[in-house]
Amino acid sequence: MTARGLRTAELSVDVSGRSGGGVPSARAIARWARLAVGSAGAGCELSVRVVARGESQRLNVRYRGKDYATNVLSFPAAVAQARHLGDLVICAAVVRREALAQGKPLAAHWAHLVIHGCLHLLGFDHERGAADARRMERREIALLAQLGLPDPYVQADQRLESRGAAA
């Protein structure tokens, strides 16, 4: 994927890195990011880099002290860089593996993780405690519902049961 800047009055999103293998288009990633940040993104810029496992693991070790590749890393911009909201680093292989393991459509999982990462850039943090985690999850669920996507915290077997009950 080549670097592409998609600009609107709300948020400028630059997507770079790997393509193929189920990686969504830059347009889709920008749409999800803009939905997540809403008016807080007005006049701001966001960088999204899609990476391989090795780079994700190196960054996760360096910045979080965790020696494994992770799905999304969020790097808020320094206050001095007010126009730059921050950076998201998304590992395509981890997103794909998780979607398969959790029985989720790949595009839905991508949308969830872009939204999740953007909410971190806005100050949401599920690691601060249960109340903060619930607040962040509720926001993610509401945003995904606007896209017509299901609650990502419902397990695949629960989704299948509810479909069976509705049939």
Foldseek 3Di string as FASTA:
>chain_A
DDWDWDDDQQEIETEDEDDDPLDDDSVLLVVLLCLLCPNVRGQAYEYEYEYAFVVQQVVCCVPVVDRGRDAKDWAADDVVRVRYLTYIYGYSVRLVVVCVVQVHDSSLSSSLVSSLRSVVSVPQDLVVDPVSVVVSLVSSQVSSVVVVHHRPPDGPVNVVVVVVVVD
